[in-house]
Amino acid sequence: MTTYTDKGPKPESGRFVTFDHVTFWVGNAKQAASFYCARMGFEPFMYMGLETGNRNIAAHAVKQNKIIFVFQSMLEPYKPKEFGDHLVKHGDGVKDVAFEVEDLDAIFKRAVQRGAMVVKEPWEESDDHGTLRMAVIQTYGDTTHTLIDRSNYKGPFLPGYKAVPNDDPLTTLLPKVDLQIIDHIVGNQPDNAMTNVAEWYEKNLMFHRFWSVDDSQIHTNYSSLRSIVVTNYEETIKMPINEPAPGKKKSQIQEYVDYYGGAGVQHIAMKSTDIIQTISNLRARGMQFIQVPNTYYTNLRKQLANSKVKIIEDLDKLQSLNILIDYDDNGYLLQIFTKLMQDRPTLFLEVIQRHNHQGFGAGNFKSLFEAIEQDQADRGNL
């Protein structure tokens, strides 16, 4: 495991602020949004569609604190054609990861000069709340990044969307989940594509390497992975880039690539300030999580006995909820992964809580892989 301290040169102009929102292209946006509200504790937020004058796309945006997910569907067959092709090839999945930026022109110009592929040149959209500026560039696979400058816009989301009342009775009936922000978003690549993608972020967006692991560190008897995490100068946006490493059997990264039809977003990690309460409430909502064997906790207790780090949470409680712990001498993190969010074995979600630990759970990868391999075996895909 490698942690990098060199941020490279600070960009002279333009700044990446944070994750803005994530757009999913799905077969049925209304139902997908409802699932994330019922199971994951999101709340109805904004809508765009026929009733708002959009003849092509229906979009349901849902929100939880500072996390916004947008589910979009086509209204007519293959309109736009790109949408239909995306759905046939990938199934439901993340189409766009939007970043809030300052000085959009500087970031866009620099990225294009350095070779980034333009999907949409900078444009403006206005409503009663002001004017928003956006541009879209291509990243790995069919995934895009929308760059959004909100400096002259005071609206709740984007022009073209209307607020929807949160009159879903589940909001009051079910326990609150209270996920805060997006911590990181992981992109899976085919074998031997990871380094090129990491270099794309370094070159075009002036991101830098933050953390990495290779297959000598992360492997089971069957499969392994390599990962490089890239981040912006302020380290507010973290994008791990994974690839499979050759193993005796098919790794979960390769399974993703096969079923997604190429590179794409594998999981979205969201931060909690009280993971025990969050996961208790998610389980009460019927959310399902990857199970690790009890031997994981037996071994963990032995290791923690000799560690400088002191876990303040109740270990028995963490074990009963199946929450994983990774730590070093300075701190620790708690994390857990949902089961798949759709029938294709592609996207899932992560809940994470950090205690002075900026890693990504490398110490848990082996246990996690073994648990995922059991699910893969159930699917006949190991």
Protein backbone atom coordinates (compact mmCIF):
# COMPACT_ATOMS: atom_id res chain seq x y z
CA MET A 1 0.00 0.00 0.00
CA THR A 2 1.39 3.37 -1.00
CA THR A 3 0.34 6.81 0.20
CA TYR A 4 1.46 9.77 -1.89
CA THR A 5 2.36 13.16 -0.44
CA ASP A 6 3.28 14.98 -3.66
CA LYS A 7 0.25 16.92 -4.87
CA GLY A 8 2.06 18.23 -7.93
CA PRO A 9 1.80 21.90 -8.95
CA LYS A 10 -1.22 23.81 -7.67
CA PRO A 11 -3.44 24.76 -10.62
CA GLU A 12 -3.03 28.48 -11.30
CA SER A 13 -6.74 28.85 -12.01
CA GLY A 14 -9.87 26.81 -11.60
CA ARG A 15 -10.71 24.72 -8.55
CA PHE A 16 -12.61 21.49 -8.01
CA VAL A 17 -14.89 22.03 -5.02
CA THR A 18 -16.72 18.76 -4.38
CA PHE A 19 -18.91 16.02 -5.85
CA ASP A 20 -22.04 17.80 -7.08
CA HIS A 21 -24.37 14.92 -7.98
CA VAL A 22 -24.41 11.51 -9.66
CA THR A 23 -26.64 10.74 -12.67
CA PHE A 24 -27.82 7.18 -13.33
CA TRP A 25 -29.27 6.08 -16.67
CA VAL A 26 -31.89 3.45 -15.88
CA GLY A 27 -34.81 1.63 -17.46
CA ASN A 28 -37.39 3.04 -15.05
CA ALA A 29 -36.32 6.19 -13.21
CA LYS A 30 -39.48 6.44 -11.12
CA GLN A 31 -39.04 2.96 -9.66
CA ALA A 32 -35.26 3.24 -9.22
CA ALA A 33 -35.67 6.51 -7.28
CA SER A 34 -38.35 4.90 -5.15
CA PHE A 35 -36.05 1.98 -4.29
CA TYR A 36 -33.26 4.32 -3.15
CA CYS A 37 -35.77 6.26 -1.04
CA ALA A 38 -37.34 3.18 0.54
CA ARG A 39 -34.17 1.19 1.17
CA MET A 40 -31.36 3.78 1.42
CA GLY A 41 -33.22 6.61 3.14
CA PHE A 42 -33.09 9.18 0.34
CA GLU A 43 -36.00 11.62 0.00
CA PRO A 44 -37.82 12.86 -3.11
CA PHE A 45 -36.20 16.13 -4.21
CA MET A 46 -36.67 17.32 -7.82
CA TYR A 47 -38.36 16.17 -11.01
CA MET A 48 -38.04 16.83 -14.73
CA GLY A 49 -40.18 15.26 -17.46
CA LEU A 50 -43.22 15.74 -19.67
CA GLU A 51 -44.93 17.91 -17.05
CA THR A 52 -41.96 20.31 -16.95
CA GLY A 53 -41.67 20.48 -20.73
CA ASN A 54 -38.95 17.90 -21.31
CA ARG A 55 -40.15 15.62 -24.13
CA ASN A 56 -37.23 13.17 -24.08
CA ILE A 57 -36.15 12.42 -20.52
CA ALA A 58 -37.86 11.74 -17.22
CA ALA A 59 -35.59 12.50 -14.28
CA HIS A 60 -36.20 11.89 -10.58
CA ALA A 61 -33.64 13.47 -8.24
CA VAL A 62 -33.40 12.21 -4.67
CA LYS A 63 -31.42 13.73 -1.83
CA GLN A 64 -29.91 12.85 1.55
CA ASN A 65 -28.07 15.71 3.27
CA LYS A 66 -25.47 16.74 0.65
CA ILE A 67 -25.80 13.62 -1.53
CA ILE A 68 -27.90 13.95 -4.69
CA PHE A 69 -28.62 11.03 -7.03
CA VAL A 70 -30.51 11.64 -10.28
CA PHE A 71 -32.25 8.75 -12.05
CA GLN A 72 -33.03 9.39 -15.70
CA SER A 73 -35.02 7.35 -18.24
CA MET A 74 -35.91 7.75 -21.92
CA LEU A 75 -39.54 8.58 -22.67
CA GLU A 76 -39.52 7.19 -26.22
CA PRO A 77 -37.55 4.26 -27.71
CA TYR A 78 -33.95 5.23 -28.47
CA LYS A 79 -34.52 8.96 -28.01
CA PRO A 80 -31.76 9.91 -27.63
CA LYS A 81 -30.16 6.91 -29.38
CA GLU A 82 -27.10 7.13 -27.13
CA PHE A 83 -29.37 6.55 -24.11
CA GLY A 84 -30.92 3.41 -25.60
CA ASP A 85 -27.53 2.03 -26.59
CA HIS A 86 -26.19 2.72 -23.09
CA LEU A 87 -29.09 0.89 -21.47
CA VAL A 88 -28.82 -2.17 -23.71
CA LYS A 89 -25.07 -2.43 -23.19
CA HIS A 90 -24.67 -1.53 -19.52
CA GLY A 91 -28.08 -2.00 -17.89
CA ASP A 92 -28.87 0.46 -15.08
CA GLY A 93 -25.71 2.32 -14.13
CA VAL A 94 -23.93 5.60 -13.48
CA LYS A 95 -23.69 7.75 -16.60
CA ASP A 96 -22.25 10.94 -15.12
CA VAL A 97 -20.31 12.04 -12.04
CA ALA A 98 -20.73 15.81 -11.73
CA PHE A 99 -18.19 18.02 -9.98
CA GLU A 100 -18.86 21.49 -8.63
CA VAL A 101 -16.04 23.75 -9.83
CA GLU A 102 -14.88 27.36 -9.63
CA ASP A 103 -13.74 29.02 -12.88
CA LEU A 104 -15.23 26.48 -15.27
CA ASP A 105 -13.59 28.08 -18.30
CA ALA A 106 -10.07 27.65 -16.93
CA ILE A 107 -10.62 23.99 -16.01
CA PHE A 108 -12.34 23.17 -19.30
CA LYS A 109 -9.78 24.98 -21.46
CA ARG A 110 -6.86 23.31 -19.69
CA ALA A 111 -8.44 19.85 -19.93
CA VAL A 112 -9.12 20.25 -23.66
CA GLN A 113 -5.62 21.59 -24.34
CA ARG A 114 -4.23 18.51 -22.59
CA GLY A 115 -6.32 16.14 -24.68
CA ALA A 116 -9.64 15.62 -22.87
CA MET A 117 -12.51 14.60 -25.13
CA VAL A 118 -15.35 17.14 -25.17
CA VAL A 119 -18.90 15.82 -24.91
CA LYS A 120 -20.49 19.26 -24.60
CA GLU A 121 -18.86 22.69 -24.79
CA PRO A 122 -19.57 25.13 -21.92
CA TRP A 123 -23.16 26.37 -21.92
CA GLU A 124 -25.46 28.36 -19.66
CA GLU A 125 -28.86 27.60 -18.20
CA SER A 126 -30.97 30.15 -16.35
CA ASP A 127 -34.14 30.37 -14.29
CA ASP A 128 -35.48 32.59 -11.50
CA HIS A 129 -32.54 31.54 -9.29
CA GLY A 130 -29.81 32.83 -11.61
CA THR A 131 -27.49 31.33 -14.21
CA LEU A 132 -25.62 28.04 -14.04
CA ARG A 133 -22.65 27.22 -16.27
CA MET A 134 -21.79 23.66 -17.27
CA ALA A 135 -19.58 21.59 -19.58
CA VAL A 136 -19.21 17.85 -20.10
CA ILE A 137 -16.05 15.81 -20.75
CA GLN A 138 -15.54 12.09 -21.32
CA THR A 139 -13.77 9.90 -18.77
CA TYR A 140 -13.43 6.08 -18.64
CA GLY A 141 -15.79 3.86 -20.67
CA ASP A 142 -19.05 5.64 -21.49
CA THR A 143 -18.90 7.63 -18.24
CA THR A 144 -18.77 11.43 -18.28
CA HIS A 145 -17.96 14.28 -15.91
CA THR A 146 -20.18 17.35 -15.88
CA LEU A 147 -18.35 20.42 -14.57
CA ILE A 148 -20.79 22.79 -12.83
CA ASP A 149 -20.11 26.40 -11.84
CA ARG A 150 -22.74 27.52 -9.32
CA SER A 151 -21.21 30.93 -8.52
CA ASN A 152 -24.14 32.85 -10.11
CA TYR A 153 -26.89 30.40 -9.24
CA LYS A 154 -28.85 30.20 -6.00
CA GLY A 155 -31.35 27.48 -6.90
CA PRO A 156 -31.72 24.17 -5.06
CA PHE A 157 -30.47 22.03 -7.98
CA LEU A 158 -30.53 22.66 -11.74
CA PRO A 159 -32.71 24.74 -14.07
CA GLY A 160 -35.41 22.65 -15.76
CA TYR A 161 -36.21 20.71 -12.58
CA LYS A 162 -39.15 21.42 -10.30
CA ALA A 163 -39.28 20.69 -6.59
CA VAL A 164 -41.44 17.76 -5.56
CA PRO A 165 -43.23 17.57 -2.22
CA ASN A 166 -41.77 15.03 0.15
CA ASP A 167 -45.11 13.47 1.03
CA ASP A 168 -43.84 9.89 0.95
CA PRO A 169 -45.19 8.28 4.16
CA LEU A 170 -42.06 6.07 4.33
CA THR A 171 -40.06 9.20 5.23
CA THR A 172 -41.85 9.41 8.57
CA LEU A 173 -42.52 5.69 9.07
CA LEU A 174 -38.97 4.41 8.58
CA PRO A 175 -35.86 5.30 10.63
CA LYS A 176 -33.60 8.08 9.32
CA VAL A 177 -30.34 6.92 7.74
CA ASP A 178 -28.42 10.22 7.82
CA LEU A 179 -25.69 9.65 5.23
CA GLN A 180 -23.79 12.95 4.90
CA ILE A 181 -21.65 13.30 1.76
CA ILE A 182 -20.08 11.22 -0.99
CA ASP A 183 -16.68 10.04 0.28
CA HIS A 184 -15.38 8.48 -2.95
CA ILE A 185 -16.56 6.94 -6.23
CA VAL A 186 -14.81 3.86 -7.61
CA GLY A 187 -14.34 3.15 -11.31
CA ASN A 188 -13.60 -0.40 -12.52
CA GLN A 189 -11.42 -0.85 -15.61
CA PRO A 190 -10.52 -3.81 -17.80
CA ASP A 191 -7.10 -5.38 -17.14
CA ASN A 192 -4.15 -3.09 -17.92
CA ALA A 193 -6.31 0.04 -18.25
CA MET A 194 -5.99 1.43 -14.71
CA THR A 195 -2.71 3.29 -15.09
CA ASN A 196 -3.84 5.04 -18.27
CA VAL A 197 -7.05 6.18 -16.58
CA ALA A 198 -5.19 7.44 -13.49
CA GLU A 199 -2.81 9.31 -15.79
CA TRP A 200 -5.81 10.82 -17.62
CA TYR A 201 -6.95 12.44 -14.35
CA GLU A 202 -3.43 13.60 -13.55
CA LYS A 203 -2.87 15.11 -16.97
CA ASN A 204 -6.27 16.53 -17.89
CA LEU A 205 -7.76 17.52 -14.53
CA MET A 206 -4.48 18.05 -12.63
CA PHE A 207 -5.52 15.50 -10.01
CA HIS A 208 -2.74 13.69 -8.15
CA ARG A 209 -2.20 10.19 -6.81
CA PHE A 210 -3.35 9.81 -3.23
CA TRP A 211 -3.14 6.09 -2.46
CA SER A 212 -2.56 2.79 -4.23
CA VAL A 213 -2.39 -0.96 -3.75
CA ASP A 214 -1.27 -3.72 -6.09
CA ASP A 215 -2.03 -7.41 -6.46
CA SER A 216 0.93 -8.46 -4.29
CA GLN A 217 -0.92 -6.79 -1.39
CA ILE A 218 -4.54 -7.51 -2.28
CA HIS A 219 -5.32 -11.06 -3.29
CA THR A 220 -7.14 -14.23 -2.26
CA ASN A 221 -6.53 -17.78 -3.48
CA TYR A 222 -8.69 -16.96 -6.49
CA SER A 223 -8.54 -13.32 -7.43
CA SER A 224 -6.82 -9.98 -6.88
CA LEU A 225 -6.96 -6.32 -7.76
CA ARG A 226 -4.85 -3.24 -8.32
CA SER A 227 -6.09 0.22 -7.39
CA ILE A 228 -4.90 3.82 -7.72
CA VAL A 229 -6.81 6.62 -5.98
CA VAL A 230 -6.66 10.04 -7.65
CA THR A 231 -7.83 13.27 -6.05
CA ASN A 232 -8.02 17.02 -6.71
CA TYR A 233 -5.51 19.47 -5.21
CA GLU A 234 -7.68 20.15 -2.13
CA GLU A 235 -8.35 16.39 -1.78
CA THR A 236 -12.13 16.88 -1.56
CA ILE A 237 -12.91 14.53 -4.49
CA LYS A 238 -11.48 11.01 -4.40
CA MET A 239 -11.73 8.64 -7.36
CA PRO A 240 -10.27 5.14 -6.86
CA ILE A 241 -9.50 3.42 -10.18
CA ASN A 242 -9.47 -0.42 -10.03
CA GLU A 243 -8.44 -3.15 -12.44
CA PRO A 244 -8.46 -6.94 -12.08
CA ALA A 245 -5.18 -8.78 -11.76
CA PRO A 246 -4.87 -12.28 -13.23
CA GLY A 247 -5.86 -14.96 -10.71
CA LYS A 248 -6.90 -18.60 -10.65
CA LYS A 249 -10.51 -17.58 -11.15
CA LYS A 250 -12.48 -14.52 -12.24
CA SER A 251 -12.11 -11.53 -9.92
CA GLN A 252 -15.10 -9.38 -8.94
CA ILE A 253 -13.57 -6.56 -11.01
CA GLN A 254 -13.57 -8.76 -14.11
CA GLU A 255 -17.12 -9.90 -13.34
CA TYR A 256 -18.16 -6.24 -13.24
CA VAL A 257 -16.43 -5.44 -16.54
CA ASP A 258 -18.04 -8.47 -18.23
CA TYR A 259 -21.56 -7.62 -17.09
CA TYR A 260 -21.27 -3.86 -17.48
CA GLY A 261 -19.75 -4.21 -20.92
CA GLY A 262 -16.57 -2.29 -20.10
CA ALA A 263 -15.32 0.33 -17.65
CA GLY A 264 -17.75 2.10 -15.33
CA VAL A 265 -18.63 3.14 -11.79
CA GLN A 266 -18.50 0.12 -9.47
CA HIS A 267 -19.50 1.69 -6.18
CA ILE A 268 -20.29 4.95 -4.45
CA ALA A 269 -19.08 5.36 -0.87
CA MET A 270 -21.09 7.63 1.42
CA LYS A 271 -19.96 8.98 4.75
CA SER A 272 -21.77 8.51 8.05
CA THR A 273 -20.93 10.14 11.37
CA ASP A 274 -22.55 7.26 13.28
CA ILE A 275 -22.21 4.09 11.22
CA ILE A 276 -23.75 1.84 13.89
CA GLN A 277 -26.98 3.87 13.87
CA THR A 278 -26.89 4.25 10.08
CA ILE A 279 -26.49 0.52 9.39
CA SER A 280 -29.00 -0.45 12.09
CA ASN A 281 -31.53 1.83 10.37
CA LEU A 282 -30.63 0.63 6.87
CA ARG A 283 -31.10 -2.97 7.98
CA ALA A 284 -34.46 -1.98 9.51
CA ARG A 285 -35.36 -0.67 6.03
CA GLY A 286 -34.54 -4.08 4.54
CA MET A 287 -31.20 -3.12 2.99
CA GLN A 288 -28.94 -6.12 2.46
CA PHE A 289 -25.18 -6.16 2.99
CA ILE A 290 -22.21 -8.39 2.17
CA GLN A 291 -21.58 -10.86 5.01
CA VAL A 292 -18.05 -11.62 6.22
CA PRO A 293 -17.40 -14.76 8.28
CA ASN A 294 -17.13 -14.52 12.08
CA THR A 295 -13.46 -15.56 11.84
CA TYR A 296 -12.83 -12.03 10.53
CA TYR A 297 -13.78 -10.64 13.97
CA THR A 298 -11.87 -13.32 15.88
CA ASN A 299 -8.69 -12.38 13.99
CA LEU A 300 -9.43 -8.68 14.29
CA ARG A 301 -9.71 -8.84 18.09
CA LYS A 302 -6.31 -10.57 18.30
CA GLN A 303 -4.68 -7.95 16.06
CA LEU A 304 -6.27 -5.00 17.86
CA ALA A 305 -4.94 -6.28 21.19
CA ASN A 306 -1.43 -5.42 19.93
CA SER A 307 -2.33 -2.18 18.20
CA LYS A 308 -1.86 1.43 19.29
CA VAL A 309 -5.29 2.31 17.95
CA LYS A 310 -8.32 2.10 20.24
CA ILE A 311 -11.70 1.48 18.66
CA ILE A 312 -14.30 3.55 20.54
CA GLU A 313 -17.29 1.66 19.09
CA ASP A 314 -18.57 -1.57 20.65
CA LEU A 315 -16.87 -4.43 18.76
CA ASP A 316 -19.75 -6.81 19.50
CA LYS A 317 -22.15 -4.32 17.96
CA LEU A 318 -19.92 -3.88 14.89
CA GLN A 319 -19.75 -7.66 14.52
CA SER A 320 -23.51 -8.10 14.83
CA LEU A 321 -24.00 -5.54 12.04
CA ASN A 322 -21.12 -7.00 9.95
CA ILE A 323 -19.24 -3.68 9.84
CA LEU A 324 -15.56 -3.98 8.88
CA ILE A 325 -12.61 -2.18 10.51
CA ASP A 326 -9.36 -1.07 8.92
CA TYR A 327 -6.70 0.76 10.91
CA ASP A 328 -3.12 1.95 11.20
CA ASP A 329 -1.18 3.55 14.06
CA ASN A 330 -2.96 6.89 13.62
CA GLY A 331 -6.60 5.94 13.31
CA TYR A 332 -9.18 3.66 11.78
CA LEU A 333 -12.16 3.50 9.47
CA LEU A 334 -15.39 1.53 9.63
CA GLN A 335 -17.01 0.36 6.40
CA ILE A 336 -19.67 -1.93 4.98
CA PHE A 337 -20.82 -2.77 1.45
CA THR A 338 -24.36 -3.32 0.23
CA LYS A 339 -25.37 -6.22 -1.94
CA LEU A 340 -25.90 -5.34 -5.60
CA MET A 341 -28.33 -2.50 -6.32
CA GLN A 342 -29.69 -4.11 -9.50
CA ASP A 343 -29.91 -7.57 -11.09
CA ARG A 344 -26.72 -7.25 -13.13
CA PRO A 345 -23.71 -7.85 -10.85
CA THR A 346 -22.40 -4.32 -11.34
CA LEU A 347 -23.05 -1.35 -9.01
CA PHE A 348 -23.23 -1.47 -5.21
CA LEU A 349 -22.89 1.10 -2.40
CA GLU A 350 -20.59 1.57 0.59
CA VAL A 351 -21.12 3.26 3.94
CA ILE A 352 -17.94 4.54 5.61
CA GLN A 353 -17.02 6.32 8.84
CA ARG A 354 -13.53 7.71 9.29
CA HIS A 355 -11.59 8.22 12.53
CA ASN A 356 -8.39 9.98 11.47
CA HIS A 357 -7.83 7.42 8.73
CA GLN A 358 -7.77 8.38 5.05
CA GLY A 359 -7.30 4.93 3.53
CA PHE A 360 -9.80 2.81 1.63
CA GLY A 361 -9.98 -0.37 3.69
CA ALA A 362 -7.03 -2.27 2.19
CA GLY A 363 -6.87 -4.40 5.31
CA ASN A 364 -10.42 -5.53 4.58
CA PHE A 365 -10.04 -6.25 0.89
CA LYS A 366 -9.10 -9.89 1.42
CA SER A 367 -12.07 -10.62 3.71
CA LEU A 368 -14.32 -8.62 1.43
CA PHE A 369 -13.13 -10.43 -1.68
CA GLU A 370 -13.74 -13.78 -0.01
CA ALA A 371 -17.29 -12.71 0.91
CA ILE A 372 -17.91 -11.39 -2.63
CA GLU A 373 -16.42 -14.58 -4.09
CA GLN A 374 -19.06 -16.55 -2.18
CA ASP A 375 -21.76 -14.40 -3.81
CA GLN A 376 -20.02 -14.83 -7.18
CA ALA A 377 -20.02 -18.60 -6.70
CA ASP A 378 -23.77 -18.42 -5.98
CA ARG A 379 -24.17 -16.60 -9.30
CA GLY A 380 -22.02 -19.22 -11.10
CA ASN A 381 -19.47 -16.52 -11.98
CA LEU A 382 -16.36 -17.35 -9.93
